Amino acid sequence: MTEQDAQAWIAARHGVAAVDRIGTFLAMVAHENGQQNLVSPSTLDTMWSRHALDSAQLLSFLPKGANRWIDIGTGGGFPGMVVALAWGGHVTLVEPRKRRAAFLAECVERFGIGDRVVVHASKIEAVNEQADIISARAVATIENLLRTAAHCGKRDTRWLLPRGRFDERDLDGLRQNWQFVFHVEHSVTSTESSIVILDRVRAK
């Protein structure tokens, strides 16, 4: 998928204004990348397809009525900041690395979305709120995510977990301690990537 294709995909679903906001954000990421490593330098020329679209596609799986989203390990802003710029709900960005969290806070201020977007410069264990959606892009194992972030979930919380190639055997150990319903979607950005979606998660 080309950079233009990625922009068109987002525009068709979230509007031209969202594309403009995301484009401004990507420029901020590219500039900040000279100060701290937010994204791999090799992806700077493909940020729309590699990072923006990879993030925005998660909104396709938004449950009806959902209004609160927690993104764990937001890093340079993916997927959480892209979600916040394309969607009008409340988004909590959790990033324990102080410099990255400071950059995210600067972005929130720049876009004037501080009334609905919060940055926590901490680990998820220290966050005391619940959400309708919890996302984490290639952060830890699924088992570790559930163990450390289960307190942020509710009975009807949906977990959106972009991963690499999926093997259902990866969930075998998870079933020993957790009950859940899952399905897997293919990423629109790569045939080698998948999105694991968990619903009705609870500890046994």
N, C-alpha and C. Protein backbone atom coordinates (compact mmCIF):
# COMPACT_ATOMS: atom_id res chain seq x y z
N MET A 1 0.84 -1.19 0.00
CA MET A 1 0.00 0.00 0.00
C MET A 1 0.88 1.25 0.00
N THR A 2 0.57 2.19 -0.87
CA THR A 2 1.36 3.41 -0.95
C THR A 2 0.95 4.39 0.15
N GLU A 3 1.75 5.44 0.32
CA GLU A 3 1.42 6.48 1.28
C GLU A 3 0.11 7.17 0.91
N GLN A 4 -0.09 7.37 -0.40
CA GLN A 4 -1.34 8.00 -0.86
C GLN A 4 -2.54 7.10 -0.61
N ASP A 5 -2.36 5.80 -0.80
CA ASP A 5 -3.43 4.85 -0.53
C ASP A 5 -3.82 4.88 0.96
N ALA A 6 -2.81 4.95 1.81
CA ALA A 6 -3.06 4.97 3.25
C ALA A 6 -3.84 6.23 3.64
N GLN A 7 -3.45 7.37 3.09
CA GLN A 7 -4.18 8.62 3.38
C GLN A 7 -5.62 8.53 2.87
N ALA A 8 -5.81 7.97 1.68
CA ALA A 8 -7.16 7.86 1.11
C ALA A 8 -8.02 6.93 1.96
N TRP A 9 -7.44 5.85 2.48
CA TRP A 9 -8.18 4.90 3.33
C TRP A 9 -8.69 5.62 4.57
N ILE A 10 -7.83 6.39 5.20
CA ILE A 10 -8.23 7.11 6.42
C ILE A 10 -9.25 8.19 6.09
N ALA A 11 -9.04 8.93 5.01
CA ALA A 11 -9.96 10.01 4.63
C ALA A 11 -11.35 9.46 4.36
N ALA A 12 -11.44 8.31 3.71
CA ALA A 12 -12.74 7.73 3.37
C ALA A 12 -13.54 7.35 4.60
N ARG A 13 -12.85 7.02 5.68
CA ARG A 13 -13.54 6.56 6.89
C ARG A 13 -13.63 7.61 7.99
N HIS A 14 -12.70 8.54 8.01
CA HIS A 14 -12.65 9.50 9.12
C HIS A 14 -12.60 10.96 8.68
N GLY A 15 -12.55 11.20 7.38
CA GLY A 15 -12.63 12.56 6.87
C GLY A 15 -11.27 13.20 6.59
N VAL A 16 -11.32 14.20 5.75
CA VAL A 16 -10.10 14.90 5.35
C VAL A 16 -9.48 15.64 6.53
N ALA A 17 -10.32 16.16 7.43
CA ALA A 17 -9.78 16.89 8.59
C ALA A 17 -8.93 15.97 9.46
N ALA A 18 -9.35 14.72 9.61
CA ALA A 18 -8.56 13.77 10.38
C ALA A 18 -7.22 13.51 9.70
N VAL A 19 -7.22 13.41 8.39
CA VAL A 19 -5.97 13.22 7.65
C VAL A 19 -5.05 14.40 7.87
N ASP A 20 -5.60 15.61 7.86
CA ASP A 20 -4.78 16.80 8.09
C ASP A 20 -4.16 16.78 9.49
N ARG A 21 -4.96 16.44 10.50
CA ARG A 21 -4.45 16.39 11.87
C ARG A 21 -3.36 15.32 12.00
N ILE A 22 -3.62 14.16 11.44
CA ILE A 22 -2.64 13.08 11.53
C ILE A 22 -1.36 13.45 10.78
N GLY A 23 -1.51 14.12 9.64
CA GLY A 23 -0.33 14.55 8.89
C GLY A 23 0.53 15.51 9.70
N THR A 24 -0.11 16.42 10.41
CA THR A 24 0.63 17.34 11.28
C THR A 24 1.34 16.57 12.38
N PHE A 25 0.65 15.60 12.95
CA PHE A 25 1.25 14.78 14.01
C PHE A 25 2.45 14.00 13.49
N LEU A 26 2.33 13.40 12.31
CA LEU A 26 3.46 12.63 11.76
C LEU A 26 4.67 13.53 11.53
N ALA A 27 4.42 14.76 11.14
CA ALA A 27 5.53 15.71 10.97
C ALA A 27 6.20 15.99 12.31
N MET A 28 5.40 16.08 13.38
CA MET A 28 5.96 16.27 14.72
C MET A 28 6.79 15.06 15.13
N VAL A 29 6.31 13.88 14.82
CA VAL A 29 7.06 12.67 15.15
C VAL A 29 8.39 12.65 14.41
N ALA A 30 8.37 12.97 13.12
CA ALA A 30 9.59 12.96 12.33
C ALA A 30 10.60 13.96 12.88
N HIS A 31 10.12 15.13 13.28
CA HIS A 31 11.02 16.14 13.85
C HIS A 31 11.59 15.68 15.19
N GLU A 32 10.75 15.16 16.04
CA GLU A 32 11.18 14.71 17.37
C GLU A 32 12.10 13.50 17.28
N ASN A 33 11.98 12.75 16.18
CA ASN A 33 12.80 11.55 16.05
C ASN A 33 14.29 11.87 16.02
N GLY A 34 14.61 13.12 15.71
CA GLY A 34 16.00 13.54 15.77
C GLY A 34 16.51 13.70 17.19
N GLN A 35 15.58 13.81 18.15
CA GLN A 35 15.93 13.99 19.55
C GLN A 35 15.81 12.69 20.35
N GLN A 36 14.84 11.89 19.99
CA GLN A 36 14.66 10.59 20.65
C GLN A 36 14.06 9.62 19.65
N ASN A 37 14.34 8.36 19.81
CA ASN A 37 13.95 7.35 18.84
C ASN A 37 12.50 6.93 19.03
N LEU A 38 11.58 7.66 18.40
CA LEU A 38 10.16 7.35 18.51
C LEU A 38 9.76 6.23 17.55
N VAL A 39 10.30 6.26 16.36
CA VAL A 39 10.04 5.22 15.35
C VAL A 39 11.36 4.85 14.70
N SER A 40 11.39 3.69 14.09
CA SER A 40 12.60 3.30 13.39
C SER A 40 12.87 4.28 12.24
N PRO A 41 14.10 4.78 12.13
CA PRO A 41 14.42 5.71 11.03
C PRO A 41 14.06 5.15 9.66
N SER A 42 14.11 3.83 9.52
CA SER A 42 13.81 3.22 8.23
C SER A 42 12.34 3.37 7.83
N THR A 43 11.48 3.75 8.79
CA THR A 43 10.04 3.89 8.48
C THR A 43 9.61 5.35 8.30
N LEU A 44 10.55 6.29 8.37
CA LEU A 44 10.17 7.70 8.29
C LEU A 44 9.53 8.06 6.95
N ASP A 45 9.91 7.37 5.89
CA ASP A 45 9.34 7.66 4.58
C ASP A 45 8.04 6.92 4.31
N THR A 46 7.65 6.06 5.23
CA THR A 46 6.40 5.28 5.04
C THR A 46 5.53 5.36 6.29
N MET A 47 5.54 6.50 6.95
CA MET A 47 4.81 6.60 8.22
C MET A 47 3.30 6.50 8.04
N TRP A 48 2.77 6.93 6.90
CA TRP A 48 1.33 6.82 6.70
C TRP A 48 0.89 5.35 6.67
N SER A 49 1.59 4.54 5.91
CA SER A 49 1.20 3.14 5.80
C SER A 49 1.70 2.30 6.97
N ARG A 50 2.91 2.60 7.44
CA ARG A 50 3.52 1.77 8.48
C ARG A 50 2.98 2.08 9.87
N HIS A 51 2.63 3.34 10.14
CA HIS A 51 2.22 3.72 11.49
C HIS A 51 0.80 4.30 11.56
N ALA A 52 0.49 5.27 10.70
CA ALA A 52 -0.82 5.93 10.79
C ALA A 52 -1.97 4.98 10.45
N LEU A 53 -1.89 4.34 9.30
CA LEU A 53 -2.96 3.42 8.91
C LEU A 53 -2.99 2.20 9.82
N ASP A 54 -1.82 1.72 10.20
CA ASP A 54 -1.75 0.57 11.11
C ASP A 54 -2.48 0.88 12.41
N SER A 55 -2.47 2.14 12.81
CA SER A 55 -3.17 2.56 14.03
C SER A 55 -4.65 2.81 13.76
N ALA A 56 -4.95 3.57 12.71
CA ALA A 56 -6.34 3.97 12.44
C ALA A 56 -7.24 2.79 12.15
N GLN A 57 -6.69 1.71 11.60
CA GLN A 57 -7.53 0.56 11.27
C GLN A 57 -8.20 -0.04 12.50
N LEU A 58 -7.64 0.19 13.68
CA LEU A 58 -8.24 -0.36 14.90
C LEU A 58 -9.63 0.21 15.16
N LEU A 59 -9.89 1.42 14.66
CA LEU A 59 -11.20 2.02 14.85
C LEU A 59 -12.30 1.26 14.12
N SER A 60 -11.92 0.40 13.19
CA SER A 60 -12.91 -0.42 12.47
C SER A 60 -13.56 -1.45 13.40
N PHE A 61 -12.92 -1.70 14.54
CA PHE A 61 -13.41 -2.73 15.46
C PHE A 61 -13.95 -2.13 16.75
N LEU A 62 -14.33 -0.88 16.68
CA LEU A 62 -14.86 -0.17 17.84
C LEU A 62 -16.24 -0.72 18.20
N PRO A 63 -16.45 -1.17 19.43
CA PRO A 63 -17.77 -1.65 19.82
C PRO A 63 -18.80 -0.52 19.83
N LYS A 64 -20.03 -0.83 19.57
CA LYS A 64 -21.09 0.17 19.58
C LYS A 64 -21.21 0.79 20.97
N GLY A 65 -21.28 2.11 21.01
CA GLY A 65 -21.44 2.81 22.27
C GLY A 65 -20.16 3.05 23.03
N ALA A 66 -19.03 2.57 22.52
CA ALA A 66 -17.75 2.75 23.23
C ALA A 66 -17.36 4.23 23.25
N ASN A 67 -16.83 4.68 24.38
CA ASN A 67 -16.46 6.08 24.50
C ASN A 67 -15.13 6.29 25.23
N ARG A 68 -14.57 5.23 25.81
CA ARG A 68 -13.31 5.38 26.55
C ARG A 68 -12.30 4.33 26.09
N TRP A 69 -11.11 4.81 25.79
CA TRP A 69 -10.07 3.96 25.20
C TRP A 69 -8.78 4.14 26.01
N ILE A 70 -8.14 3.04 26.35
CA ILE A 70 -6.81 3.09 26.97
C ILE A 70 -5.82 2.42 26.02
N ASP A 71 -4.74 3.15 25.71
CA ASP A 71 -3.68 2.59 24.87
C ASP A 71 -2.43 2.39 25.73
N ILE A 72 -1.96 1.15 25.81
CA ILE A 72 -0.84 0.80 26.67
C ILE A 72 0.46 0.82 25.87
N GLY A 73 1.45 1.50 26.41
CA GLY A 73 2.74 1.58 25.73
C GLY A 73 2.67 2.37 24.44
N THR A 74 2.09 3.57 24.51
CA THR A 74 1.84 4.38 23.32
C THR A 74 3.11 4.76 22.58
N GLY A 75 4.22 4.87 23.29
CA GLY A 75 5.49 5.17 22.63
C GLY A 75 5.48 6.50 21.92
N GLY A 76 5.72 6.47 20.61
CA GLY A 76 5.72 7.69 19.82
C GLY A 76 4.35 8.15 19.39
N GLY A 77 3.29 7.45 19.86
CA GLY A 77 1.93 7.89 19.55
C GLY A 77 1.08 6.88 18.82
N PHE A 78 1.55 5.65 18.71
CA PHE A 78 0.85 4.66 17.91
C PHE A 78 0.47 3.43 18.74
N PRO A 79 -0.81 3.08 18.74
CA PRO A 79 -1.88 3.69 17.96
C PRO A 79 -2.61 4.84 18.65
N GLY A 80 -2.34 5.09 19.93
CA GLY A 80 -3.20 5.95 20.73
C GLY A 80 -3.41 7.36 20.22
N MET A 81 -2.35 8.06 19.81
CA MET A 81 -2.52 9.44 19.37
C MET A 81 -3.26 9.51 18.04
N VAL A 82 -2.98 8.57 17.14
CA VAL A 82 -3.72 8.54 15.88
C VAL A 82 -5.20 8.31 16.14
N VAL A 83 -5.51 7.39 17.04
CA VAL A 83 -6.91 7.14 17.41
C VAL A 83 -7.54 8.43 17.93
N ALA A 84 -6.83 9.13 18.80
CA ALA A 84 -7.37 10.37 19.39
C ALA A 84 -7.62 11.43 18.35
N LEU A 85 -6.83 11.47 17.29
CA LEU A 85 -6.97 12.49 16.25
C LEU A 85 -8.05 12.13 15.22
N ALA A 86 -8.42 10.86 15.16
CA ALA A 86 -9.43 10.43 14.20
C ALA A 86 -10.79 10.16 14.82
N TRP A 87 -10.85 10.11 16.16
CA TRP A 87 -12.06 9.69 16.89
C TRP A 87 -12.30 10.67 18.02
N GLY A 88 -13.54 10.92 18.35
CA GLY A 88 -13.86 11.95 19.32
C GLY A 88 -14.05 11.49 20.75
N GLY A 89 -13.74 10.21 21.04
CA GLY A 89 -13.92 9.71 22.39
C GLY A 89 -12.77 10.07 23.31
N HIS A 90 -12.89 9.62 24.56
CA HIS A 90 -11.85 9.86 25.57
C HIS A 90 -10.74 8.82 25.40
N VAL A 91 -9.50 9.28 25.31
CA VAL A 91 -8.37 8.39 25.10
C VAL A 91 -7.32 8.62 26.19
N THR A 92 -6.88 7.54 26.82
CA THR A 92 -5.81 7.59 27.80
C THR A 92 -4.57 6.94 27.20
N LEU A 93 -3.48 7.71 27.16
CA LEU A 93 -2.22 7.23 26.60
C LEU A 93 -1.30 6.88 27.76
N VAL A 94 -0.86 5.63 27.82
CA VAL A 94 -0.02 5.16 28.92
C VAL A 94 1.39 4.89 28.37
N GLU A 95 2.35 5.67 28.83
CA GLU A 95 3.72 5.55 28.34
C GLU A 95 4.69 5.81 29.49
N PRO A 96 5.37 4.78 29.98
CA PRO A 96 6.23 4.94 31.16
C PRO A 96 7.52 5.71 30.91
N ARG A 97 7.98 5.79 29.67
CA ARG A 97 9.22 6.51 29.39
C ARG A 97 8.94 8.01 29.39
N LYS A 98 9.59 8.73 30.29
CA LYS A 98 9.26 10.13 30.57
C LYS A 98 9.38 11.04 29.36
N ARG A 99 10.43 10.89 28.57
CA ARG A 99 10.61 11.77 27.42
C ARG A 99 9.53 11.53 26.37
N ARG A 100 9.17 10.29 26.18
CA ARG A 100 8.10 10.00 25.22
C ARG A 100 6.76 10.53 25.73
N ALA A 101 6.52 10.35 27.01
CA ALA A 101 5.28 10.86 27.59
C ALA A 101 5.22 12.38 27.47
N ALA A 102 6.35 13.05 27.66
CA ALA A 102 6.40 14.50 27.53
C ALA A 102 6.08 14.92 26.10
N PHE A 103 6.59 14.18 25.13
CA PHE A 103 6.27 14.47 23.73
C PHE A 103 4.79 14.30 23.46
N LEU A 104 4.20 13.23 23.98
CA LEU A 104 2.77 13.00 23.80
C LEU A 104 1.95 14.12 24.42
N ALA A 105 2.35 14.57 25.62
CA ALA A 105 1.64 15.67 26.28
C ALA A 105 1.74 16.95 25.45
N GLU A 106 2.88 17.17 24.83
CA GLU A 106 3.05 18.33 23.96
C GLU A 106 2.11 18.25 22.77
N CYS A 107 1.95 17.07 22.21
CA CYS A 107 1.04 16.88 21.08
C CYS A 107 -0.41 17.14 21.49
N VAL A 108 -0.79 16.63 22.65
CA VAL A 108 -2.15 16.85 23.15
C VAL A 108 -2.43 18.34 23.27
N GLU A 109 -1.46 19.07 23.81
CA GLU A 109 -1.63 20.52 23.95
C GLU A 109 -1.69 21.19 22.58
N ARG A 110 -0.84 20.78 21.67
CA ARG A 110 -0.79 21.37 20.33
C ARG A 110 -2.13 21.24 19.61
N PHE A 111 -2.78 20.11 19.77
CA PHE A 111 -4.05 19.88 19.07
C PHE A 111 -5.26 20.33 19.88
N GLY A 112 -5.05 20.80 21.10
CA GLY A 112 -6.16 21.30 21.91
C GLY A 112 -7.16 20.24 22.29
N ILE A 113 -6.69 19.04 22.60
CA ILE A 113 -7.60 17.94 22.91
C ILE A 113 -7.42 17.46 24.36
N GLY A 114 -6.90 18.34 25.19
CA GLY A 114 -6.65 17.97 26.58
C GLY A 114 -7.91 17.70 27.38
N ASP A 115 -9.07 18.10 26.87
CA ASP A 115 -10.32 17.84 27.58
C ASP A 115 -10.76 16.38 27.47
N ARG A 116 -10.15 15.64 26.54
CA ARG A 116 -10.57 14.24 26.35
C ARG A 116 -9.40 13.27 26.14
N VAL A 117 -8.18 13.78 26.15
CA VAL A 117 -7.01 12.93 25.98
C VAL A 117 -6.05 13.16 27.15
N VAL A 118 -5.69 12.08 27.85
CA VAL A 118 -4.85 12.15 29.04
C VAL A 118 -3.60 11.31 28.81
N VAL A 119 -2.46 11.82 29.26
CA VAL A 119 -1.21 11.08 29.17
C VAL A 119 -0.77 10.68 30.57
N HIS A 120 -0.53 9.40 30.77
CA HIS A 120 0.00 8.89 32.03
C HIS A 120 1.46 8.48 31.80
N ALA A 121 2.38 9.17 32.47
CA ALA A 121 3.80 8.81 32.38
C ALA A 121 4.08 7.74 33.43
N SER A 122 3.54 6.57 33.21
CA SER A 122 3.64 5.49 34.20
C SER A 122 3.40 4.16 33.51
N LYS A 123 3.60 3.10 34.28
CA LYS A 123 3.19 1.79 33.81
C LYS A 123 1.69 1.63 33.98
N ILE A 124 1.12 0.68 33.25
CA ILE A 124 -0.33 0.50 33.30
C ILE A 124 -0.80 0.09 34.69
N GLU A 125 0.04 -0.54 35.48
CA GLU A 125 -0.35 -0.95 36.82
C GLU A 125 -0.76 0.23 37.70
N ALA A 126 -0.23 1.42 37.39
CA ALA A 126 -0.51 2.61 38.20
C ALA A 126 -1.74 3.39 37.71
N VAL A 127 -2.34 2.96 36.62
CA VAL A 127 -3.49 3.67 36.06
C VAL A 127 -4.77 3.13 36.70
N ASN A 128 -5.55 4.03 37.26
CA ASN A 128 -6.75 3.63 37.99
C ASN A 128 -7.99 4.13 37.25
N GLU A 129 -8.26 3.53 36.11
CA GLU A 129 -9.49 3.83 35.38
C GLU A 129 -9.83 2.64 34.50
N GLN A 130 -11.07 2.62 34.04
CA GLN A 130 -11.53 1.53 33.19
C GLN A 130 -11.95 2.08 31.84
N ALA A 131 -11.92 1.21 30.84
CA ALA A 131 -12.21 1.65 29.49
C ALA A 131 -13.04 0.62 28.73
N ASP A 132 -13.65 1.09 27.64
CA ASP A 132 -14.42 0.21 26.76
C ASP A 132 -13.51 -0.54 25.80
N ILE A 133 -12.35 0.09 25.47
CA ILE A 133 -11.36 -0.51 24.58
C ILE A 133 -10.00 -0.38 25.22
N ILE A 134 -9.23 -1.46 25.17
CA ILE A 134 -7.83 -1.42 25.59
C ILE A 134 -6.99 -1.91 24.42
N SER A 135 -6.01 -1.12 24.03
CA SER A 135 -5.14 -1.52 22.93
C SER A 135 -3.70 -1.54 23.40
N ALA A 136 -2.90 -2.32 22.69
CA ALA A 136 -1.46 -2.38 22.95
C ALA A 136 -0.82 -2.92 21.68
N ARG A 137 0.02 -2.13 21.08
CA ARG A 137 0.64 -2.50 19.81
C ARG A 137 2.00 -3.13 20.07
N ALA A 138 2.05 -4.46 19.91
CA ALA A 138 3.30 -5.20 20.07
C ALA A 138 3.99 -4.90 21.39
N VAL A 139 3.20 -4.86 22.47
CA VAL A 139 3.74 -4.61 23.81
C VAL A 139 3.57 -5.87 24.64
N ALA A 140 4.65 -6.50 25.04
CA ALA A 140 4.63 -7.67 25.92
C ALA A 140 3.84 -8.82 25.30
N THR A 141 3.69 -9.88 26.06
CA THR A 141 2.86 -11.00 25.63
C THR A 141 1.41 -10.70 26.01
N ILE A 142 0.49 -11.39 25.37
CA ILE A 142 -0.92 -11.18 25.70
C ILE A 142 -1.17 -11.55 27.16
N GLU A 143 -0.54 -12.61 27.62
CA GLU A 143 -0.73 -13.03 29.01
C GLU A 143 -0.27 -11.95 29.98
N ASN A 144 0.88 -11.35 29.72
CA ASN A 144 1.38 -10.28 30.59
C ASN A 144 0.49 -9.05 30.52
N LEU A 145 -0.06 -8.76 29.35
CA LEU A 145 -0.96 -7.62 29.22
C LEU A 145 -2.20 -7.81 30.08
N LEU A 146 -2.79 -8.98 30.00
CA LEU A 146 -3.99 -9.24 30.80
C LEU A 146 -3.67 -9.19 32.29
N ARG A 147 -2.54 -9.75 32.65
CA ARG A 147 -2.18 -9.78 34.07
C ARG A 147 -1.96 -8.38 34.63
N THR A 148 -1.32 -7.51 33.86
CA THR A 148 -0.99 -6.18 34.37
C THR A 148 -2.09 -5.15 34.15
N ALA A 149 -2.99 -5.40 33.21
CA ALA A 149 -3.98 -4.38 32.86
C ALA A 149 -5.42 -4.81 33.08
N ALA A 150 -5.63 -6.00 33.65
CA ALA A 150 -7.00 -6.50 33.82
C ALA A 150 -7.86 -5.57 34.66
N HIS A 151 -7.24 -4.85 35.60
CA HIS A 151 -8.01 -3.93 36.45
C HIS A 151 -8.60 -2.77 35.66
N CYS A 152 -8.10 -2.54 34.44
CA CYS A 152 -8.62 -1.46 33.60
C CYS A 152 -9.76 -1.93 32.70
N GLY A 153 -10.02 -3.23 32.72
CA GLY A 153 -11.07 -3.77 31.87
C GLY A 153 -12.36 -4.02 32.63
N LYS A 154 -13.44 -4.04 31.88
CA LYS A 154 -14.75 -4.39 32.40
C LYS A 154 -15.21 -5.68 31.71
N ARG A 155 -16.36 -6.15 32.08
CA ARG A 155 -16.87 -7.38 31.48
C ARG A 155 -17.01 -7.25 29.97
N ASP A 156 -17.39 -6.04 29.49
CA ASP A 156 -17.62 -5.86 28.06
C ASP A 156 -16.49 -5.10 27.36
N THR A 157 -15.34 -4.98 28.02
CA THR A 157 -14.20 -4.31 27.38
C THR A 157 -13.69 -5.16 26.21
N ARG A 158 -13.37 -4.48 25.12
CA ARG A 158 -12.75 -5.15 23.98
C ARG A 158 -11.26 -4.85 23.98
N TRP A 159 -10.45 -5.88 23.82
CA TRP A 159 -8.99 -5.74 23.74
C TRP A 159 -8.57 -5.85 22.28
N LEU A 160 -7.90 -4.82 21.79
CA LEU A 160 -7.42 -4.78 20.40
C LEU A 160 -5.90 -4.85 20.43
N LEU A 161 -5.36 -5.96 19.96
CA LEU A 161 -3.93 -6.24 20.14
C LEU A 161 -3.26 -6.54 18.80
N PRO A 162 -2.73 -5.53 18.12
CA PRO A 162 -1.98 -5.77 16.89
C PRO A 162 -0.73 -6.59 17.18
N ARG A 163 -0.53 -7.63 16.40
CA ARG A 163 0.61 -8.51 16.58
C ARG A 163 1.25 -8.78 15.23
N GLY A 164 2.26 -9.63 15.23
CA GLY A 164 2.82 -10.12 13.99
C GLY A 164 2.01 -11.31 13.51
N ARG A 165 2.67 -12.27 12.93
CA ARG A 165 1.96 -13.48 12.47
C ARG A 165 1.35 -14.20 13.68
N PHE A 166 0.08 -14.59 13.59
CA PHE A 166 -0.62 -15.18 14.72
C PHE A 166 -0.64 -16.70 14.63
N ASP A 167 -0.38 -17.31 15.76
CA ASP A 167 -0.48 -18.76 15.90
C ASP A 167 -1.40 -19.03 17.09
N GLU A 168 -2.52 -19.71 16.87
CA GLU A 168 -3.49 -19.93 17.94
C GLU A 168 -2.88 -20.63 19.14
N ARG A 169 -1.79 -21.35 18.92
CA ARG A 169 -1.13 -22.01 20.04
C ARG A 169 -0.58 -21.00 21.05
N ASP A 170 -0.41 -19.73 20.59
CA ASP A 170 0.05 -18.70 21.51
C ASP A 170 -0.95 -18.45 22.63
N LEU A 171 -2.20 -18.86 22.42
CA LEU A 171 -3.24 -18.63 23.42
C LEU A 171 -3.43 -19.84 24.35
N ASP A 172 -2.74 -20.93 24.07
CA ASP A 172 -2.94 -22.14 24.87
C ASP A 172 -2.67 -21.89 26.36
N GLY A 173 -1.53 -21.27 26.66
CA GLY A 173 -1.21 -20.99 28.05
C GLY A 173 -2.16 -19.99 28.68
N LEU A 174 -2.67 -19.08 27.86
CA LEU A 174 -3.59 -18.05 28.36
C LEU A 174 -4.87 -18.67 28.89
N ARG A 175 -5.30 -19.75 28.28
CA ARG A 175 -6.57 -20.38 28.66
C ARG A 175 -6.51 -21.03 30.04
N GLN A 176 -5.33 -21.23 30.55
CA GLN A 176 -5.22 -21.84 31.88
C GLN A 176 -5.73 -20.91 32.98
N ASN A 177 -5.57 -19.61 32.77
CA ASN A 177 -5.92 -18.64 33.83
C ASN A 177 -6.99 -17.64 33.43
N TRP A 178 -7.38 -17.64 32.15
CA TRP A 178 -8.32 -16.63 31.67
C TRP A 178 -9.42 -17.24 30.83
N GLN A 179 -10.59 -16.65 30.93
CA GLN A 179 -11.68 -16.97 30.02
C GLN A 179 -11.84 -15.80 29.06
N PHE A 180 -12.12 -16.08 27.80
CA PHE A 180 -12.26 -15.00 26.82
C PHE A 180 -12.84 -15.58 25.53
N VAL A 181 -13.34 -14.69 24.71
CA VAL A 181 -13.76 -15.01 23.35
C VAL A 181 -12.81 -14.25 22.44
N PHE A 182 -12.30 -14.91 21.42
CA PHE A 182 -11.35 -14.20 20.57
C PHE A 182 -11.62 -14.46 19.09
N HIS A 183 -11.19 -13.52 18.28
CA HIS A 183 -11.06 -13.76 16.85
C HIS A 183 -9.90 -12.93 16.34
N VAL A 184 -9.46 -13.23 15.16
CA VAL A 184 -8.28 -12.60 14.59
C VAL A 184 -8.64 -11.96 13.26
N GLU A 185 -8.22 -10.73 13.08
CA GLU A 185 -8.39 -10.00 11.82
C GLU A 185 -7.03 -9.80 11.18
N HIS A 186 -6.99 -9.82 9.86
CA HIS A 186 -5.75 -9.53 9.16
C HIS A 186 -5.56 -8.02 9.09
N SER A 187 -4.35 -7.59 9.29
CA SER A 187 -4.04 -6.16 9.16
C SER A 187 -4.16 -5.74 7.70
N VAL A 188 -4.65 -4.53 7.47
CA VAL A 188 -4.73 -4.02 6.10
C VAL A 188 -3.37 -3.55 5.60
N THR A 189 -2.39 -3.46 6.50
CA THR A 189 -1.09 -2.93 6.11
C THR A 189 -0.07 -4.00 5.74
N SER A 190 -0.31 -5.25 6.18
CA SER A 190 0.66 -6.30 5.92
C SER A 190 0.02 -7.67 6.05
N THR A 191 0.30 -8.53 5.11
CA THR A 191 -0.21 -9.90 5.19
C THR A 191 0.49 -10.70 6.28
N GLU A 192 1.59 -10.16 6.79
CA GLU A 192 2.34 -10.82 7.85
C GLU A 192 1.88 -10.40 9.24
N SER A 193 0.91 -9.49 9.31
CA SER A 193 0.46 -8.95 10.60
C SER A 193 -1.00 -9.28 10.86
N SER A 194 -1.35 -9.34 12.12
CA SER A 194 -2.72 -9.67 12.51
C SER A 194 -3.14 -8.80 13.70
N ILE A 195 -4.43 -8.79 13.95
CA ILE A 195 -4.99 -8.08 15.10
C ILE A 195 -5.78 -9.09 15.91
N VAL A 196 -5.31 -9.37 17.12
CA VAL A 196 -6.02 -10.28 18.01
C VAL A 196 -7.06 -9.48 18.78
N ILE A 197 -8.30 -9.92 18.72
CA ILE A 197 -9.41 -9.21 19.38
C ILE A 197 -9.99 -10.13 20.46
N LEU A 198 -9.95 -9.64 21.69
CA LEU A 198 -10.47 -10.41 22.82
C LEU A 198 -11.70 -9.72 23.39
N ASP A 199 -12.73 -10.49 23.65
CA ASP A 199 -13.94 -9.98 24.29
C ASP A 199 -14.27 -10.86 25.50
N ARG A 200 -15.06 -10.29 26.40
CA ARG A 200 -15.53 -11.01 27.60
C ARG A 200 -14.37 -11.66 28.36
N VAL A 201 -13.35 -10.87 28.60
CA VAL A 201 -12.16 -11.37 29.30
C VAL A 201 -12.39 -11.35 30.80
N ARG A 202 -12.06 -12.45 31.46
CA ARG A 202 -12.07 -12.45 32.92
C ARG A 202 -11.17 -13.57 33.43
N ALA A 203 -10.64 -13.34 34.61
CA ALA A 203 -9.75 -14.34 35.22
C ALA A 203 -10.58 -15.53 35.70
N LYS A 204 -9.99 -16.71 35.62
CA LYS A 204 -10.67 -17.90 36.11
C LYS A 204 -10.60 -17.96 37.63
